Amino acid sequence: MSPRALIAAGTGRYGDPWHPFVATSHRIASLLEDSGWAVAVSEDVDGALAALDGVDLLVVNAGDPWRNGETGHGAPEVSTAGLDAALDRGIGVLAVHNAVSSLRDYPRWRALVGGDWVPGVSGHPPIGTARVLVRDGAHPIVQQLDGLDEAGAFELLDERYSDLVVDDDVLPLAEHVHERDGSRHPLLWAREVGAARLVYLALGHDERSYDSPVHAELIRRAARWTTRTTS
């Protein structure tokens, strides 16, 4: 039986004017389907989190529901309970791009994802050619990754998230160097929280990012690692 993935694509309060979440979610779905996954895309984020029974991989590709300065919207109890139960049984989670600031009404999300976009602190240079440096070649997600140059880097068209608040126990697997001051900013990390495994991948602003073969391979590897599968 094929492993099952459910992609929560940001619309409504999880959408915004800048990110084509539905379009990029379908690009992610195609990448996974090509690797043998059975994939569903849901444009109802809260509804998706209430429907995780039998799902091996949850992909969150959604925006910040508090981006207009409002807080405490709340989430349906059936949805928070659904996510909690899935995490307790060890579901794999792939958080994509703006998902670092999403699911703010879900009590366990922030500790799971390991970082946050903080308005007024976090930002990114203008979208353009992004050079991504792979930092830890020993991790299964980046080990012997094809398509890197001699410096262990690859390029794609994307945003480079910078100045995220990142927890001390997060081990970056890939990063970028900001031309502003030479500082390094993580773009990829993997972690285990209880029974669950999570990968955060800051790439994926729009569909052009998914034209990168290396980015596509990182998504496939993240899906396998988080779910402990070999598909």
Protein backbone atom coordinates (compact mmCIF):
# COMPACT_ATOMS: atom_id res chain seq x y z
CA MET A 1 0.00 0.00 0.00
CA SER A 2 1.28 3.46 -0.88
CA PRO A 3 2.11 5.82 1.98
CA ARG A 4 -0.43 8.62 2.35
CA ALA A 5 0.30 12.33 2.43
CA LEU A 6 -2.11 15.16 3.14
CA ILE A 7 -1.12 18.68 2.12
CA ALA A 8 -2.79 21.57 3.97
CA ALA A 9 -2.78 24.46 1.50
CA GLY A 10 -3.31 27.96 2.86
CA THR A 11 -6.55 29.71 1.93
CA GLY A 12 -8.86 32.00 3.88
CA ARG A 13 -7.16 33.21 7.05
CA TYR A 14 -4.22 30.94 6.21
CA GLY A 15 -3.75 32.64 2.83
CA ASP A 16 -2.10 35.92 1.90
CA PRO A 17 -1.54 38.09 -1.20
CA TRP A 18 2.05 36.93 -1.76
CA HIS A 19 2.11 33.16 -1.70
CA PRO A 20 0.28 30.92 -4.22
CA PHE A 21 -0.19 28.18 -1.63
CA VAL A 22 -2.61 26.11 -3.66
CA ALA A 23 -0.40 26.09 -6.76
CA THR A 24 2.75 25.21 -4.83
CA SER A 25 0.88 22.54 -2.89
CA HIS A 26 -0.01 20.84 -6.14
CA ARG A 27 3.64 21.00 -7.20
CA ILE A 28 4.59 19.25 -3.96
CA ALA A 29 1.83 16.71 -4.55
CA SER A 30 3.20 15.91 -8.01
CA LEU A 31 6.71 15.39 -6.62
CA LEU A 32 5.43 12.97 -4.01
CA GLU A 33 3.09 11.15 -6.38
CA ASP A 34 6.01 10.55 -8.73
CA SER A 35 7.70 8.76 -5.82
CA GLY A 36 4.76 6.47 -5.16
CA TRP A 37 2.82 8.45 -2.57
CA ALA A 38 -0.95 8.73 -2.47
CA VAL A 39 -1.51 12.46 -2.00
CA ALA A 40 -4.50 14.64 -1.22
CA VAL A 41 -4.46 18.45 -1.19
CA SER A 42 -6.88 20.18 1.17
CA GLU A 43 -7.64 23.90 0.93
CA ASP A 44 -9.20 23.76 4.40
CA VAL A 45 -6.27 23.82 6.82
CA ASP A 46 -8.26 23.29 10.02
CA GLY A 47 -10.31 20.60 8.32
CA ALA A 48 -7.17 18.80 7.19
CA LEU A 49 -5.84 18.66 10.73
CA ALA A 50 -9.07 17.02 11.85
CA ALA A 51 -8.68 14.31 9.19
CA LEU A 52 -5.24 12.81 9.87
CA ASP A 53 -6.31 9.26 10.69
CA GLY A 54 -4.38 6.93 8.41
CA VAL A 55 -2.18 9.74 7.09
CA ASP A 56 1.58 9.12 7.17
CA LEU A 57 2.79 12.61 6.21
CA LEU A 58 1.27 16.00 6.92
CA VAL A 59 2.60 18.82 4.73
CA VAL A 60 1.77 22.31 6.00
CA ASN A 61 2.02 24.89 3.21
CA ALA A 62 0.08 27.76 4.70
CA GLY A 63 0.45 31.30 5.98
CA ASP A 64 0.19 33.24 9.19
CA PRO A 65 -3.40 33.50 10.48
CA TRP A 66 -2.33 36.37 12.76
CA ARG A 67 -0.56 38.43 10.10
CA ASN A 68 -2.87 41.42 10.49
CA GLY A 69 -1.94 41.78 14.13
CA GLU A 70 -4.95 39.87 15.43
CA THR A 71 -4.33 37.05 17.86
CA GLY A 72 -6.23 34.28 19.53
CA HIS A 73 -8.58 33.32 16.71
CA GLY A 74 -8.68 29.82 18.11
CA ALA A 75 -8.85 26.55 16.23
CA PRO A 76 -11.61 23.94 16.24
CA GLU A 77 -11.20 21.48 19.08
CA VAL A 78 -11.56 18.58 16.68
CA SER A 79 -8.61 19.97 14.70
CA THR A 80 -6.28 20.52 17.66
CA ALA A 81 -7.19 17.07 18.95
CA GLY A 82 -6.55 15.60 15.50
CA LEU A 83 -3.08 17.11 15.27
CA ASP A 84 -2.23 16.09 18.83
CA ALA A 85 -3.28 12.49 18.22
CA ALA A 86 -1.31 12.33 14.98
CA LEU A 87 1.83 13.68 16.65
CA ASP A 88 1.46 11.22 19.52
CA ARG A 89 1.38 8.29 17.12
CA GLY A 90 4.44 9.59 15.24
CA ILE A 91 3.14 11.19 12.04
CA GLY A 92 5.74 12.79 9.78
CA VAL A 93 5.46 16.56 9.27
CA LEU A 94 6.92 18.70 6.52
CA ALA A 95 6.55 22.44 7.17
CA VAL A 96 7.13 24.49 4.03
CA HIS A 97 8.23 28.13 3.72
CA ASN A 98 5.70 30.34 5.52
CA ALA A 99 4.50 27.42 7.66
CA VAL A 100 7.07 28.48 10.28
CA SER A 101 4.56 31.22 11.17
CA SER A 102 1.39 29.22 10.63
CA LEU A 103 -0.89 27.19 12.93
CA ARG A 104 -0.45 29.76 15.71
CA ASP A 105 -3.69 28.64 17.33
CA TYR A 106 -2.39 25.09 17.73
CA PRO A 107 -0.65 24.79 21.13
CA ARG A 108 1.93 22.19 20.05
CA TRP A 109 2.94 23.71 16.72
CA ARG A 110 5.55 26.23 17.86
CA ALA A 111 7.50 23.71 19.93
CA LEU A 112 7.28 21.19 17.09
CA VAL A 113 8.50 23.43 14.29
CA GLY A 114 11.41 24.83 16.28
CA GLY A 115 11.33 28.41 15.05
CA ASP A 116 9.20 31.41 14.25
CA TRP A 117 8.84 34.36 11.93
CA VAL A 118 8.67 37.45 14.15
CA PRO A 119 7.17 40.58 12.54
CA GLY A 120 9.59 43.46 12.70
CA VAL A 121 12.54 41.11 13.22
CA SER A 122 12.40 38.49 10.49
CA GLY A 123 12.57 39.31 6.80
CA HIS A 124 14.14 38.37 3.49
CA PRO A 125 16.09 40.00 0.67
CA PRO A 126 14.15 40.54 -2.57
CA ILE A 127 13.21 37.33 -4.32
CA GLY A 128 15.86 36.29 -6.80
CA THR A 129 18.66 33.81 -7.26
CA ALA A 130 19.20 32.16 -3.90
CA ARG A 131 22.41 30.31 -3.11
CA VAL A 132 21.80 27.57 -0.56
CA LEU A 133 24.70 26.00 1.32
CA VAL A 134 24.28 22.44 2.56
CA ARG A 135 25.78 22.38 6.04
CA ASP A 136 25.58 18.83 7.37
CA GLY A 137 26.25 16.25 4.71
CA ALA A 138 25.94 13.38 7.20
CA HIS A 139 22.16 13.68 7.68
CA PRO A 140 20.07 11.36 5.45
CA ILE A 141 18.18 14.32 4.00
CA VAL A 142 21.34 15.90 2.57
CA GLN A 143 23.80 13.01 2.45
CA GLN A 144 25.36 12.49 -0.99
CA LEU A 145 22.96 15.02 -2.48
CA ASP A 146 23.39 15.35 -6.24
CA GLY A 147 23.46 18.75 -7.91
CA LEU A 148 25.70 20.60 -5.46
CA ASP A 149 28.72 22.59 -6.59
CA GLU A 150 32.23 22.17 -5.20
CA ALA A 151 31.34 24.34 -2.20
CA GLY A 152 28.35 22.15 -1.37
CA ALA A 153 25.77 24.65 -2.60
CA PHE A 154 22.99 24.93 -5.14
CA GLU A 155 21.02 27.82 -6.60
CA LEU A 156 17.34 28.38 -7.29
CA LEU A 157 14.89 31.25 -7.67
CA ASP A 158 13.35 31.89 -4.28
CA GLU A 159 13.17 34.01 -1.15
CA ARG A 160 15.81 33.64 1.55
CA TYR A 161 14.20 33.85 4.95
CA SER A 162 16.44 35.68 7.39
CA ASP A 163 16.46 36.47 11.11
CA LEU A 164 13.96 33.82 12.04
CA VAL A 165 13.87 33.08 15.74
CA VAL A 166 15.31 29.57 15.87
CA ASP A 167 15.40 27.34 18.95
CA ASP A 168 18.80 26.48 20.40
CA ASP A 169 18.34 22.74 19.83
CA VAL A 170 17.76 23.11 16.08
CA LEU A 171 20.60 21.78 13.91
CA PRO A 172 20.55 23.52 10.50
CA LEU A 173 21.12 21.29 7.49
CA ALA A 174 21.24 24.10 4.93
CA GLU A 175 21.53 27.87 5.13
CA HIS A 176 22.23 31.04 3.21
CA VAL A 177 24.77 33.78 3.74
CA HIS A 178 23.22 37.26 3.88
CA GLU A 179 25.08 39.80 1.77
CA ARG A 180 24.13 42.44 4.35
CA ASP A 181 26.74 41.34 6.85
CA GLY A 182 27.86 37.80 6.02
CA SER A 183 25.56 36.30 8.66
CA ARG A 184 24.25 32.77 8.17
CA HIS A 185 20.55 31.95 8.28
CA PRO A 186 19.10 28.41 8.37
CA LEU A 187 16.79 27.34 5.55
CA LEU A 188 16.42 23.64 6.38
CA TRP A 189 16.36 21.64 9.57
CA ALA A 190 15.11 18.27 10.80
CA ARG A 191 14.11 17.34 14.34
CA GLU A 192 12.36 14.74 16.44
CA VAL A 193 9.83 15.85 19.04
CA GLY A 194 8.43 12.94 20.98
CA ALA A 195 7.27 10.28 18.54
CA ALA A 196 7.01 12.71 15.62
CA ARG A 197 9.62 13.77 13.11
CA LEU A 198 9.51 17.20 11.47
CA VAL A 199 11.40 18.85 8.65
CA TYR A 200 11.21 22.60 8.13
CA LEU A 201 12.15 23.77 4.63
CA ALA A 202 12.09 27.54 4.21
CA LEU A 203 12.20 27.34 0.40
CA GLY A 204 9.10 27.37 -1.79
CA HIS A 205 7.81 30.93 -2.16
CA ASP A 206 6.24 30.21 -5.53
CA GLU A 207 6.22 27.58 -8.26
CA ARG A 208 9.56 28.67 -9.71
CA SER A 209 11.34 27.32 -6.64
CA TYR A 210 10.10 23.81 -7.44
CA ASP A 211 11.84 23.88 -10.82
CA SER A 212 15.07 23.15 -8.93
CA PRO A 213 15.92 19.42 -9.04
CA VAL A 214 17.77 19.74 -5.74
CA HIS A 215 14.78 21.35 -4.03
CA ALA A 216 12.56 18.59 -5.39
CA GLU A 217 14.91 15.93 -4.06
CA LEU A 218 14.99 17.57 -0.63
CA ILE A 219 11.21 17.33 -0.46
CA ARG A 220 11.24 13.66 -1.41
CA ARG A 221 13.94 12.90 1.15
CA ALA A 222 12.15 14.89 3.85
CA ALA A 223 9.01 12.86 3.22
CA ARG A 224 10.92 9.60 3.59
CA TRP A 225 12.84 10.65 6.68
CA THR A 226 9.90 12.06 8.60
CA THR A 227 7.80 8.95 7.96
CA ARG A 228 10.61 6.41 8.20
CA THR A 229 9.71 5.03 4.77
CA THR A 230 11.78 4.08 1.74
CA SER A 231 9.34 5.24 -1.00
